Amino acid sequence: MAEDKEASLFQAPPEAEQERMVEAILFATAEPVTVAELNARMPHGADAAQALAALRKRYDGRGVRVAKVGDAWAMRTAPDLGFLMQKETVETRKLSRAAIETLAIVAYHQPVTRAEIEEIRGVGVSRGTVDQLIELEWIRFGRRRMTPGRPVTYVVTQNFLDHFGLESARDLPGLKELRAAGLLENRTLPGAAADSEDEEDELDQTDMFEDE
């Protein structure tokens, strides 16, 4: 009898109960949660990955979905219903053209060094531009290159992926899609112009920074 009681202490909860546990954790946590973090919170023997797969299938087609953000998971509004979450008052912020181009280069070429960013843009990148993107938590430091000087690289963050509803940087749209959506001007690519960074106009990025 004692042996049966001891064995039950280490018996994994039923699959339906594990699914409920994962649902509760994701619902109550604002930041995306990894499978390892889910397993650490759940009882011994639970399989968070399996529970996630079942939960994701159950939410398929509903107003809320279980979304993968980088290597973590979160509950997010269905993309086609995002307009319902917009606030009437939108906070407008400014992001310089230099910052926009730097962010785009990091997103599409990561991991990328500062020298490589400057080579692609054709002009220098000020420290303030990089610091601004790091402060916004849209890019972060990556691994150092195993080359002379061991330059640091930059990569986009999980916050960047989460903001734009991307599972990974591989899901970024192509140039044709960006132009079709009106998010990219049909102008000369970065690096072809001789304008200095200080002379670049600030662009109104209301949509990019719109509170959701």
N, C-alpha and C. Protein backbone atom coordinates (compact mmCIF):
# COMPACT_ATOMS: atom_id res chain seq x y z
N MET A 1 0.84 -1.21 0.00
CA MET A 1 0.00 0.00 0.00
C MET A 1 0.87 1.25 0.00
N ALA A 2 1.91 1.22 0.83
CA ALA A 2 2.83 2.35 0.92
C ALA A 2 3.57 2.54 -0.40
N GLU A 3 3.89 1.39 -1.05
CA GLU A 3 4.60 1.47 -2.33
C GLU A 3 3.72 2.12 -3.39
N ASP A 4 2.42 1.79 -3.40
CA ASP A 4 1.49 2.38 -4.36
C ASP A 4 1.37 3.88 -4.15
N LYS A 5 1.33 4.29 -2.89
CA LYS A 5 1.21 5.71 -2.57
C LYS A 5 2.46 6.46 -3.02
N GLU A 6 3.65 5.84 -2.80
CA GLU A 6 4.90 6.46 -3.20
C GLU A 6 4.98 6.59 -4.71
N ALA A 7 4.53 5.56 -5.44
CA ALA A 7 4.56 5.58 -6.89
C ALA A 7 3.66 6.66 -7.45
N SER A 8 2.52 6.90 -6.79
CA SER A 8 1.57 7.89 -7.28
C SER A 8 2.12 9.30 -7.18
N LEU A 9 3.06 9.52 -6.25
CA LEU A 9 3.66 10.84 -6.08
C LEU A 9 4.48 11.24 -7.30
N PHE A 10 5.00 10.24 -8.01
CA PHE A 10 5.85 10.48 -9.16
C PHE A 10 5.13 10.19 -10.47
N GLN A 11 3.85 9.96 -10.41
CA GLN A 11 3.09 9.68 -11.61
C GLN A 11 2.69 10.99 -12.28
N ALA A 12 2.94 11.08 -13.58
CA ALA A 12 2.63 12.30 -14.31
C ALA A 12 1.13 12.54 -14.33
N PRO A 13 0.69 13.78 -14.26
CA PRO A 13 -0.74 14.10 -14.33
C PRO A 13 -1.30 13.66 -15.69
N PRO A 14 -2.59 13.45 -15.79
CA PRO A 14 -3.20 13.10 -17.07
C PRO A 14 -2.89 14.16 -18.12
N GLU A 15 -2.89 13.77 -19.39
CA GLU A 15 -2.54 14.69 -20.48
C GLU A 15 -3.45 15.92 -20.49
N ALA A 16 -4.74 15.71 -20.25
CA ALA A 16 -5.68 16.84 -20.25
C ALA A 16 -5.33 17.83 -19.14
N GLU A 17 -4.88 17.31 -18.00
CA GLU A 17 -4.51 18.18 -16.88
C GLU A 17 -3.22 18.94 -17.19
N GLN A 18 -2.29 18.27 -17.85
CA GLN A 18 -1.05 18.93 -18.25
C GLN A 18 -1.35 20.07 -19.23
N GLU A 19 -2.29 19.84 -20.12
CA GLU A 19 -2.67 20.87 -21.08
C GLU A 19 -3.26 22.08 -20.36
N ARG A 20 -4.07 21.82 -19.33
CA ARG A 20 -4.66 22.90 -18.54
C ARG A 20 -3.58 23.69 -17.80
N MET A 21 -2.56 22.98 -17.33
CA MET A 21 -1.47 23.65 -16.61
C MET A 21 -0.71 24.59 -17.53
N VAL A 22 -0.40 24.11 -18.72
CA VAL A 22 0.32 24.94 -19.69
C VAL A 22 -0.53 26.15 -20.06
N GLU A 23 -1.82 25.92 -20.25
CA GLU A 23 -2.73 27.01 -20.60
C GLU A 23 -2.74 28.07 -19.50
N ALA A 24 -2.78 27.65 -18.26
CA ALA A 24 -2.81 28.58 -17.13
C ALA A 24 -1.52 29.40 -17.06
N ILE A 25 -0.38 28.74 -17.27
CA ILE A 25 0.90 29.44 -17.20
C ILE A 25 1.01 30.48 -18.30
N LEU A 26 0.68 30.09 -19.54
CA LEU A 26 0.78 31.01 -20.67
C LEU A 26 -0.19 32.17 -20.52
N PHE A 27 -1.38 31.89 -20.00
CA PHE A 27 -2.40 32.93 -19.84
C PHE A 27 -1.96 33.97 -18.82
N ALA A 28 -1.28 33.54 -17.77
CA ALA A 28 -0.92 34.44 -16.67
C ALA A 28 0.43 35.11 -16.85
N THR A 29 1.19 34.71 -17.88
CA THR A 29 2.54 35.24 -18.08
C THR A 29 2.57 36.14 -19.30
N ALA A 30 2.99 37.38 -19.09
CA ALA A 30 3.03 38.34 -20.20
C ALA A 30 4.15 38.02 -21.18
N GLU A 31 5.31 37.59 -20.66
CA GLU A 31 6.44 37.29 -21.51
C GLU A 31 6.39 35.85 -22.01
N PRO A 32 6.88 35.58 -23.22
CA PRO A 32 6.92 34.20 -23.73
C PRO A 32 7.69 33.28 -22.79
N VAL A 33 7.27 32.02 -22.73
CA VAL A 33 7.86 31.04 -21.81
C VAL A 33 8.42 29.86 -22.61
N THR A 34 9.62 29.41 -22.28
CA THR A 34 10.23 28.29 -22.99
C THR A 34 9.68 26.97 -22.46
N VAL A 35 9.90 25.92 -23.24
CA VAL A 35 9.47 24.58 -22.82
C VAL A 35 10.18 24.18 -21.53
N ALA A 36 11.46 24.52 -21.42
CA ALA A 36 12.22 24.18 -20.22
C ALA A 36 11.62 24.87 -18.99
N GLU A 37 11.21 26.12 -19.14
CA GLU A 37 10.60 26.84 -18.02
C GLU A 37 9.24 26.24 -17.66
N LEU A 38 8.49 25.80 -18.65
CA LEU A 38 7.20 25.15 -18.39
C LEU A 38 7.41 23.85 -17.62
N ASN A 39 8.36 23.04 -18.08
CA ASN A 39 8.65 21.77 -17.41
C ASN A 39 9.09 21.99 -15.97
N ALA A 40 9.84 23.07 -15.73
CA ALA A 40 10.32 23.36 -14.38
C ALA A 40 9.18 23.71 -13.43
N ARG A 41 8.10 24.26 -13.95
CA ARG A 41 6.96 24.64 -13.12
C ARG A 41 5.97 23.50 -12.93
N MET A 42 5.97 22.58 -13.88
CA MET A 42 4.96 21.52 -13.86
C MET A 42 5.42 20.32 -13.02
N PRO A 43 4.50 19.45 -12.61
CA PRO A 43 4.86 18.29 -11.77
C PRO A 43 5.83 17.36 -12.47
N HIS A 44 6.50 16.56 -11.67
CA HIS A 44 7.46 15.59 -12.17
C HIS A 44 6.80 14.64 -13.17
N GLY A 45 7.47 14.42 -14.30
CA GLY A 45 6.95 13.49 -15.29
C GLY A 45 6.09 14.14 -16.35
N ALA A 46 5.74 15.42 -16.18
CA ALA A 46 4.91 16.11 -17.16
C ALA A 46 5.71 16.40 -18.42
N ASP A 47 5.04 16.44 -19.55
CA ASP A 47 5.68 16.70 -20.83
C ASP A 47 5.09 17.99 -21.41
N ALA A 48 5.76 19.10 -21.16
CA ALA A 48 5.26 20.40 -21.59
C ALA A 48 5.16 20.51 -23.10
N ALA A 49 6.12 19.93 -23.81
CA ALA A 49 6.13 20.00 -25.27
C ALA A 49 4.88 19.33 -25.86
N GLN A 50 4.55 18.17 -25.32
CA GLN A 50 3.37 17.44 -25.80
C GLN A 50 2.09 18.22 -25.46
N ALA A 51 2.06 18.77 -24.26
CA ALA A 51 0.89 19.54 -23.85
C ALA A 51 0.74 20.80 -24.71
N LEU A 52 1.86 21.42 -25.07
CA LEU A 52 1.83 22.60 -25.92
C LEU A 52 1.26 22.28 -27.30
N ALA A 53 1.69 21.14 -27.85
CA ALA A 53 1.21 20.74 -29.18
C ALA A 53 -0.30 20.55 -29.17
N ALA A 54 -0.81 19.91 -28.11
CA ALA A 54 -2.25 19.69 -28.00
C ALA A 54 -3.00 21.00 -27.81
N LEU A 55 -2.43 21.88 -26.98
CA LEU A 55 -3.06 23.16 -26.69
C LEU A 55 -3.09 24.04 -27.95
N ARG A 56 -1.99 24.02 -28.69
CA ARG A 56 -1.91 24.82 -29.91
C ARG A 56 -2.97 24.37 -30.92
N LYS A 57 -3.17 23.06 -31.02
CA LYS A 57 -4.16 22.52 -31.94
C LYS A 57 -5.57 22.91 -31.50
N ARG A 58 -5.81 22.91 -30.18
CA ARG A 58 -7.14 23.24 -29.67
C ARG A 58 -7.49 24.70 -29.90
N TYR A 59 -6.48 25.58 -29.90
CA TYR A 59 -6.72 27.00 -30.10
C TYR A 59 -6.67 27.40 -31.57
N ASP A 60 -6.40 26.47 -32.46
CA ASP A 60 -6.32 26.77 -33.88
C ASP A 60 -7.65 27.32 -34.40
N GLY A 61 -7.60 28.48 -35.02
CA GLY A 61 -8.80 29.07 -35.58
C GLY A 61 -9.61 29.91 -34.62
N ARG A 62 -9.18 30.01 -33.37
CA ARG A 62 -9.92 30.79 -32.39
C ARG A 62 -9.37 32.22 -32.31
N GLY A 63 -9.99 33.05 -31.47
CA GLY A 63 -9.57 34.44 -31.36
C GLY A 63 -8.23 34.61 -30.68
N VAL A 64 -7.84 33.62 -29.90
CA VAL A 64 -6.53 33.61 -29.24
C VAL A 64 -5.78 32.39 -29.75
N ARG A 65 -4.50 32.53 -29.98
CA ARG A 65 -3.70 31.41 -30.47
C ARG A 65 -2.48 31.20 -29.59
N VAL A 66 -1.93 30.01 -29.63
CA VAL A 66 -0.68 29.69 -28.93
C VAL A 66 0.43 29.90 -29.95
N ALA A 67 1.21 30.95 -29.77
CA ALA A 67 2.20 31.35 -30.76
C ALA A 67 3.62 31.06 -30.29
N LYS A 68 4.46 30.63 -31.23
CA LYS A 68 5.87 30.43 -30.93
C LYS A 68 6.61 31.72 -31.20
N VAL A 69 7.39 32.16 -30.23
CA VAL A 69 8.16 33.40 -30.35
C VAL A 69 9.62 33.06 -30.09
N GLY A 70 10.40 32.94 -31.15
CA GLY A 70 11.77 32.49 -30.99
C GLY A 70 11.79 31.06 -30.49
N ASP A 71 12.36 30.84 -29.32
CA ASP A 71 12.37 29.49 -28.74
C ASP A 71 11.40 29.39 -27.56
N ALA A 72 10.46 30.34 -27.49
CA ALA A 72 9.50 30.34 -26.39
C ALA A 72 8.07 30.37 -26.94
N TRP A 73 7.10 30.32 -26.00
CA TRP A 73 5.69 30.25 -26.38
C TRP A 73 4.87 31.26 -25.60
N ALA A 74 3.79 31.74 -26.22
CA ALA A 74 2.93 32.73 -25.57
C ALA A 74 1.54 32.67 -26.17
N MET A 75 0.55 33.18 -25.42
CA MET A 75 -0.81 33.29 -25.94
C MET A 75 -0.96 34.69 -26.51
N ARG A 76 -1.36 34.76 -27.77
CA ARG A 76 -1.47 36.03 -28.47
C ARG A 76 -2.79 36.11 -29.24
N THR A 77 -3.25 37.33 -29.48
CA THR A 77 -4.45 37.55 -30.28
C THR A 77 -4.22 37.07 -31.70
N ALA A 78 -5.24 36.49 -32.31
CA ALA A 78 -5.14 36.06 -33.70
C ALA A 78 -4.78 37.26 -34.57
N PRO A 79 -3.86 37.10 -35.52
CA PRO A 79 -3.40 38.24 -36.33
C PRO A 79 -4.52 39.03 -37.00
N ASP A 80 -5.55 38.33 -37.49
CA ASP A 80 -6.61 39.03 -38.21
C ASP A 80 -7.55 39.81 -37.28
N LEU A 81 -7.37 39.64 -35.96
CA LEU A 81 -8.22 40.36 -35.00
C LEU A 81 -7.45 41.42 -34.23
N GLY A 82 -6.21 41.65 -34.66
CA GLY A 82 -5.37 42.61 -33.96
C GLY A 82 -5.95 44.01 -33.93
N PHE A 83 -6.73 44.36 -34.95
CA PHE A 83 -7.30 45.71 -35.02
C PHE A 83 -8.25 45.98 -33.85
N LEU A 84 -8.81 44.92 -33.25
CA LEU A 84 -9.73 45.10 -32.13
C LEU A 84 -9.00 45.54 -30.86
N MET A 85 -7.68 45.30 -30.81
CA MET A 85 -6.92 45.61 -29.62
C MET A 85 -6.30 46.99 -29.65
N GLN A 86 -6.42 47.69 -30.78
CA GLN A 86 -5.79 49.00 -30.91
C GLN A 86 -6.49 50.03 -30.04
N LYS A 87 -5.68 50.87 -29.42
CA LYS A 87 -6.23 51.95 -28.61
C LYS A 87 -6.59 53.13 -29.50
N GLU A 88 -7.54 53.92 -29.04
CA GLU A 88 -7.96 55.08 -29.81
C GLU A 88 -6.86 56.14 -29.85
N THR A 89 -6.12 56.27 -28.75
CA THR A 89 -5.03 57.23 -28.68
C THR A 89 -3.73 56.51 -28.99
N VAL A 90 -3.06 56.93 -30.05
CA VAL A 90 -1.82 56.30 -30.47
C VAL A 90 -0.64 57.20 -30.14
N GLU A 91 0.35 56.63 -29.49
CA GLU A 91 1.54 57.40 -29.15
C GLU A 91 2.49 57.38 -30.35
N THR A 92 2.81 58.56 -30.84
CA THR A 92 3.68 58.66 -32.01
C THR A 92 5.12 58.89 -31.56
N ARG A 93 6.01 58.08 -32.05
CA ARG A 93 7.41 58.25 -31.75
C ARG A 93 8.18 58.40 -33.06
N LYS A 94 9.40 58.85 -32.94
CA LYS A 94 10.23 59.07 -34.11
C LYS A 94 11.39 58.08 -34.11
N LEU A 95 11.67 57.54 -35.28
CA LEU A 95 12.82 56.68 -35.45
C LEU A 95 13.52 57.16 -36.71
N SER A 96 14.79 57.48 -36.60
CA SER A 96 15.51 58.02 -37.74
C SER A 96 15.62 57.00 -38.86
N ARG A 97 15.83 57.49 -40.08
CA ARG A 97 16.03 56.59 -41.21
C ARG A 97 17.23 55.69 -40.97
N ALA A 98 18.26 56.25 -40.32
CA ALA A 98 19.44 55.45 -40.02
C ALA A 98 19.08 54.28 -39.12
N ALA A 99 18.23 54.52 -38.11
CA ALA A 99 17.83 53.46 -37.20
C ALA A 99 16.98 52.41 -37.91
N ILE A 100 16.07 52.87 -38.78
CA ILE A 100 15.22 51.95 -39.53
C ILE A 100 16.06 51.04 -40.40
N GLU A 101 17.01 51.63 -41.13
CA GLU A 101 17.85 50.84 -42.03
C GLU A 101 18.76 49.90 -41.24
N THR A 102 19.27 50.38 -40.11
CA THR A 102 20.12 49.52 -39.27
C THR A 102 19.33 48.33 -38.75
N LEU A 103 18.11 48.58 -38.28
CA LEU A 103 17.27 47.51 -37.78
C LEU A 103 16.96 46.49 -38.88
N ALA A 104 16.67 46.98 -40.08
CA ALA A 104 16.37 46.09 -41.20
C ALA A 104 17.57 45.23 -41.57
N ILE A 105 18.76 45.84 -41.55
CA ILE A 105 19.98 45.09 -41.89
C ILE A 105 20.24 44.01 -40.86
N VAL A 106 20.07 44.35 -39.58
CA VAL A 106 20.28 43.34 -38.53
C VAL A 106 19.28 42.20 -38.69
N ALA A 107 18.02 42.55 -38.97
CA ALA A 107 16.97 41.52 -39.08
C ALA A 107 17.24 40.57 -40.24
N TYR A 108 17.68 41.11 -41.38
CA TYR A 108 17.83 40.30 -42.58
C TYR A 108 19.23 39.69 -42.74
N HIS A 109 20.21 40.20 -42.00
CA HIS A 109 21.59 39.71 -42.19
C HIS A 109 22.20 39.15 -40.90
N GLN A 110 21.43 39.05 -39.83
CA GLN A 110 22.01 38.63 -38.55
C GLN A 110 22.65 37.24 -38.64
N PRO A 111 23.69 37.01 -37.81
CA PRO A 111 24.39 37.98 -36.97
C PRO A 111 25.29 38.87 -37.84
N VAL A 112 25.30 40.16 -37.54
CA VAL A 112 26.03 41.12 -38.37
C VAL A 112 26.81 42.07 -37.49
N THR A 113 28.02 42.42 -37.93
CA THR A 113 28.85 43.34 -37.15
C THR A 113 28.55 44.78 -37.55
N ARG A 114 29.04 45.70 -36.76
CA ARG A 114 28.83 47.12 -37.07
C ARG A 114 29.49 47.49 -38.39
N ALA A 115 30.68 46.94 -38.63
CA ALA A 115 31.38 47.23 -39.88
C ALA A 115 30.58 46.73 -41.08
N GLU A 116 29.94 45.57 -40.93
CA GLU A 116 29.13 45.03 -42.02
C GLU A 116 27.88 45.88 -42.25
N ILE A 117 27.30 46.40 -41.16
CA ILE A 117 26.14 47.29 -41.30
C ILE A 117 26.54 48.53 -42.08
N GLU A 118 27.70 49.09 -41.73
CA GLU A 118 28.17 50.30 -42.41
C GLU A 118 28.49 50.02 -43.87
N GLU A 119 29.02 48.83 -44.15
CA GLU A 119 29.34 48.47 -45.54
C GLU A 119 28.06 48.37 -46.38
N ILE A 120 27.02 47.78 -45.80
CA ILE A 120 25.76 47.63 -46.52
C ILE A 120 25.08 48.99 -46.72
N ARG A 121 25.08 49.81 -45.68
CA ARG A 121 24.43 51.13 -45.76
C ARG A 121 25.24 52.12 -46.59
N GLY A 122 26.57 51.96 -46.60
CA GLY A 122 27.41 52.89 -47.34
C GLY A 122 27.77 54.13 -46.56
N VAL A 123 27.29 54.24 -45.32
CA VAL A 123 27.63 55.36 -44.45
C VAL A 123 27.86 54.83 -43.04
N GLY A 124 28.47 55.66 -42.21
CA GLY A 124 28.75 55.24 -40.85
C GLY A 124 27.49 55.11 -40.01
N VAL A 125 27.58 54.29 -38.98
CA VAL A 125 26.47 54.10 -38.04
C VAL A 125 26.90 54.65 -36.70
N SER A 126 26.19 55.65 -36.23
CA SER A 126 26.56 56.26 -34.96
C SER A 126 26.23 55.33 -33.80
N ARG A 127 26.95 55.51 -32.71
CA ARG A 127 26.71 54.69 -31.53
C ARG A 127 25.30 54.95 -30.98
N GLY A 128 24.82 56.18 -31.14
CA GLY A 128 23.49 56.51 -30.65
C GLY A 128 22.40 55.72 -31.35
N THR A 129 22.59 55.46 -32.64
CA THR A 129 21.60 54.69 -33.40
C THR A 129 21.49 53.28 -32.86
N VAL A 130 22.65 52.64 -32.65
CA VAL A 130 22.66 51.28 -32.13
C VAL A 130 22.13 51.25 -30.71
N ASP A 131 22.55 52.22 -29.90
CA ASP A 131 22.09 52.28 -28.51
C ASP A 131 20.57 52.43 -28.43
N GLN A 132 20.00 53.20 -29.35
CA GLN A 132 18.55 53.40 -29.36
C GLN A 132 17.82 52.09 -29.62
N LEU A 133 18.30 51.31 -30.58
CA LEU A 133 17.67 50.03 -30.90
C LEU A 133 17.84 49.02 -29.76
N ILE A 134 18.98 49.09 -29.08
CA ILE A 134 19.21 48.21 -27.93
C ILE A 134 18.29 48.62 -26.78
N GLU A 135 18.13 49.95 -26.57
CA GLU A 135 17.26 50.44 -25.51
C GLU A 135 15.81 50.04 -25.76
N LEU A 136 15.40 50.02 -27.02
CA LEU A 136 14.05 49.58 -27.38
C LEU A 136 13.89 48.07 -27.24
N GLU A 137 15.01 47.39 -27.00
CA GLU A 137 15.04 45.93 -26.87
C GLU A 137 14.59 45.24 -28.15
N TRP A 138 15.01 45.83 -29.29
CA TRP A 138 14.71 45.21 -30.58
C TRP A 138 15.94 44.54 -31.18
N ILE A 139 17.14 44.94 -30.74
CA ILE A 139 18.36 44.22 -31.11
C ILE A 139 19.19 44.01 -29.85
N ARG A 140 20.08 43.04 -29.90
CA ARG A 140 20.96 42.77 -28.77
C ARG A 140 22.30 42.30 -29.29
N PHE A 141 23.27 42.19 -28.38
CA PHE A 141 24.58 41.70 -28.76
C PHE A 141 24.53 40.19 -29.01
N GLY A 142 25.18 39.76 -30.09
CA GLY A 142 25.30 38.34 -30.37
C GLY A 142 26.70 37.86 -30.01
N ARG A 143 27.10 36.75 -30.59
CA ARG A 143 28.44 36.24 -30.31
C ARG A 143 29.50 37.05 -31.06
N ARG A 144 30.69 37.08 -30.49
CA ARG A 144 31.80 37.76 -31.15
C ARG A 144 32.31 36.90 -32.31
N ARG A 145 32.71 37.56 -33.38
CA ARG A 145 33.27 36.86 -34.52
C ARG A 145 34.68 36.39 -34.20
N MET A 146 35.01 35.20 -34.66
CA MET A 146 36.36 34.66 -34.44
C MET A 146 37.29 35.17 -35.53
N THR A 147 37.37 36.50 -35.64
CA THR A 147 38.23 37.17 -36.60
C THR A 147 39.07 38.19 -35.85
N PRO A 148 40.10 38.73 -36.49
CA PRO A 148 40.94 39.72 -35.80
C PRO A 148 40.11 40.83 -35.16
N GLY A 149 40.40 41.09 -33.89
CA GLY A 149 39.65 42.09 -33.15
C GLY A 149 38.40 41.56 -32.50
N ARG A 150 38.00 40.33 -32.88
CA ARG A 150 36.80 39.68 -32.36
C ARG A 150 35.64 40.67 -32.22
N PRO A 151 35.18 41.24 -33.35
CA PRO A 151 34.07 42.21 -33.29
C PRO A 151 32.78 41.57 -32.81
N VAL A 152 31.99 42.35 -32.09
CA VAL A 152 30.71 41.87 -31.59
C VAL A 152 29.70 41.89 -32.73
N THR A 153 28.75 40.99 -32.69
CA THR A 153 27.69 40.97 -33.70
C THR A 153 26.37 41.42 -33.06
N TYR A 154 25.40 41.71 -33.91
CA TYR A 154 24.07 42.11 -33.44
C TYR A 154 23.02 41.20 -34.04
N VAL A 155 22.00 40.88 -33.25
CA VAL A 155 20.89 40.06 -33.70
C VAL A 155 19.60 40.68 -33.16
N VAL A 156 18.46 40.34 -33.78
CA VAL A 156 17.19 40.86 -33.27
C VAL A 156 16.79 40.08 -32.02
N THR A 157 15.96 40.69 -31.21
CA THR A 157 15.55 40.09 -29.95
C THR A 157 14.21 39.36 -30.07
N GLN A 158 13.89 38.66 -29.02
CA GLN A 158 12.59 38.00 -28.94
C GLN A 158 11.46 39.04 -28.90
N ASN A 159 11.73 40.21 -28.30
CA ASN A 159 10.74 41.28 -28.28
C ASN A 159 10.41 41.76 -29.69
N PHE A 160 11.42 41.83 -30.55
CA PHE A 160 11.21 42.23 -31.93
C PHE A 160 10.29 41.23 -32.63
N LEU A 161 10.59 39.94 -32.46
CA LEU A 161 9.78 38.90 -33.09
C LEU A 161 8.35 38.95 -32.56
N ASP A 162 8.22 39.12 -31.24
CA ASP A 162 6.90 39.14 -30.62
C ASP A 162 6.08 40.32 -31.11
N HIS A 163 6.70 41.49 -31.23
CA HIS A 163 5.99 42.70 -31.65
C HIS A 163 5.41 42.55 -33.05
N PHE A 164 6.16 41.90 -33.94
CA PHE A 164 5.72 41.76 -35.32
C PHE A 164 5.07 40.41 -35.60
N GLY A 165 4.82 39.62 -34.54
CA GLY A 165 4.12 38.36 -34.72
C GLY A 165 4.89 37.33 -35.52
N LEU A 166 6.22 37.29 -35.33
CA LEU A 166 7.07 36.37 -36.08
C LEU A 166 7.53 35.23 -35.18
N GLU A 167 7.59 34.03 -35.75
CA GLU A 167 8.12 32.89 -35.00
C GLU A 167 9.64 32.96 -34.98
N SER A 168 10.24 33.36 -36.09
CA SER A 168 11.69 33.52 -36.19
C SER A 168 11.98 34.53 -37.30
N ALA A 169 13.25 34.92 -37.40
CA ALA A 169 13.63 35.89 -38.43
C ALA A 169 13.41 35.33 -39.84
N ARG A 170 13.32 34.03 -39.96
CA ARG A 170 13.06 33.41 -41.27
C ARG A 170 11.68 33.77 -41.79
N ASP A 171 10.79 34.22 -40.91
CA ASP A 171 9.43 34.57 -41.31
C ASP A 171 9.31 36.02 -41.78
N LEU A 172 10.42 36.76 -41.82
CA LEU A 172 10.38 38.14 -42.28
C LEU A 172 9.93 38.18 -43.74
N PRO A 173 9.12 39.17 -44.11
CA PRO A 173 8.65 39.26 -45.50
C PRO A 173 9.78 39.63 -46.45
N GLY A 174 9.61 39.29 -47.73
CA GLY A 174 10.58 39.65 -48.74
C GLY A 174 10.37 41.08 -49.21
N LEU A 175 11.27 41.57 -50.07
CA LEU A 175 11.19 42.94 -50.55
C LEU A 175 9.88 43.22 -51.28
N LYS A 176 9.44 42.27 -52.11
CA LYS A 176 8.20 42.46 -52.86
C LYS A 176 7.02 42.60 -51.91
N GLU A 177 7.00 41.78 -50.86
CA GLU A 177 5.90 41.84 -49.90
C GLU A 177 5.91 43.16 -49.14
N LEU A 178 7.11 43.63 -48.79
CA LEU A 178 7.23 44.90 -48.06
C LEU A 178 6.73 46.06 -48.91
N ARG A 179 7.12 46.06 -50.18
CA ARG A 179 6.69 47.15 -51.07
C ARG A 179 5.18 47.07 -51.32
N ALA A 180 4.65 45.86 -51.47
CA ALA A 180 3.22 45.70 -51.71
C ALA A 180 2.40 46.18 -50.53
N ALA A 181 2.97 46.02 -49.32
CA ALA A 181 2.27 46.45 -48.11
C ALA A 181 2.48 47.93 -47.80
N GLY A 182 3.31 48.59 -48.65
CA GLY A 182 3.57 50.01 -48.44
C GLY A 182 4.55 50.29 -47.33
N LEU A 183 5.31 49.25 -46.92
CA LEU A 183 6.26 49.42 -45.83
C LEU A 183 7.67 49.72 -46.30
N LEU A 184 7.86 49.74 -47.62
CA LEU A 184 9.19 50.00 -48.16
C LEU A 184 9.04 50.87 -49.39
N GLU A 185 9.76 51.98 -49.41
CA GLU A 185 9.67 52.89 -50.54
C GLU A 185 10.46 52.35 -51.72
N ASN A 186 10.03 52.67 -52.91
CA ASN A 186 10.76 52.30 -54.11
C ASN A 186 11.85 53.33 -54.37
N ARG A 187 12.87 53.28 -53.55
CA ARG A 187 13.96 54.23 -53.68
C ARG A 187 15.28 53.49 -53.70
N THR A 188 16.36 54.23 -53.86
CA THR A 188 17.68 53.63 -53.92
C THR A 188 17.98 52.89 -52.63
N LEU A 189 18.59 51.73 -52.75
CA LEU A 189 18.91 50.94 -51.57
C LEU A 189 19.96 51.63 -50.72
N PRO A 190 20.00 51.34 -49.41
CA PRO A 190 20.99 51.94 -48.52
C PRO A 190 22.40 51.72 -49.05
N GLY A 191 23.21 52.80 -49.02
CA GLY A 191 24.59 52.66 -49.47
C GLY A 191 24.81 53.35 -50.79
N ALA A 192 23.75 53.56 -51.58
CA ALA A 192 23.89 54.19 -52.88
C ALA A 192 23.88 55.70 -52.77
N ALA A 193 23.28 56.21 -51.71
CA ALA A 193 23.21 57.66 -51.53
C ALA A 193 24.42 58.15 -50.77
N ALA A 194 24.78 59.41 -50.99
CA ALA A 194 25.97 59.95 -50.35
C ALA A 194 25.62 60.81 -49.17
N ASP A 195 24.36 60.87 -48.81
CA ASP A 195 23.94 61.71 -47.68
C ASP A 195 24.56 61.20 -46.40
N SER A 196 24.94 62.10 -45.52
CA SER A 196 25.49 61.70 -44.24
C SER A 196 24.37 61.33 -43.31
N GLU A 197 24.70 60.60 -42.26
CA GLU A 197 23.68 60.14 -41.31
C GLU A 197 23.04 61.30 -40.60
N ASP A 198 23.84 62.37 -40.33
CA ASP A 198 23.31 63.51 -39.60
C ASP A 198 22.26 64.26 -40.40
N GLU A 199 22.30 64.14 -41.74
CA GLU A 199 21.37 64.87 -42.58
C GLU A 199 20.11 64.08 -42.91
N GLU A 200 20.06 62.82 -42.41
CA GLU A 200 18.91 61.98 -42.74
C GLU A 200 17.67 62.44 -41.98
N ASP A 201 16.55 62.49 -42.67
CA ASP A 201 15.32 62.93 -42.05
C ASP A 201 14.77 61.87 -41.14
N GLU A 202 14.07 62.32 -40.11
CA GLU A 202 13.37 61.40 -39.24
C GLU A 202 12.05 61.03 -39.89
N LEU A 203 11.71 59.73 -39.80
CA LEU A 203 10.47 59.26 -40.39
C LEU A 203 9.45 58.99 -39.30
N ASP A 204 8.21 59.30 -39.61
CA ASP A 204 7.13 59.04 -38.68
C ASP A 204 6.84 57.54 -38.71
N GLN A 205 7.10 56.85 -37.60
CA GLN A 205 6.91 55.40 -37.53
C GLN A 205 5.76 55.05 -36.61
N THR A 206 4.62 55.72 -36.79
CA THR A 206 3.46 55.48 -35.94
C THR A 206 3.06 54.01 -35.96
N ASP A 207 2.97 53.43 -37.16
CA ASP A 207 2.52 52.04 -37.27
C ASP A 207 3.50 51.09 -36.60
N MET A 208 4.79 51.38 -36.77
CA MET A 208 5.80 50.47 -36.23
C MET A 208 5.77 50.44 -34.70
N PHE A 209 5.43 51.58 -34.09
CA PHE A 209 5.47 51.67 -32.63
C PHE A 209 4.10 51.79 -32.03
N GLU A 210 3.07 51.43 -32.76
CA GLU A 210 1.70 51.56 -32.26
C GLU A 210 1.46 50.60 -31.11
N ASP A 211 0.93 51.12 -30.01
CA ASP A 211 0.62 50.28 -28.87
C ASP A 211 -0.47 49.30 -29.26
N GLU A 212 -0.29 48.09 -28.84
CA GLU A 212 -1.29 47.06 -29.18
C GLU A 212 -2.08 46.68 -27.94
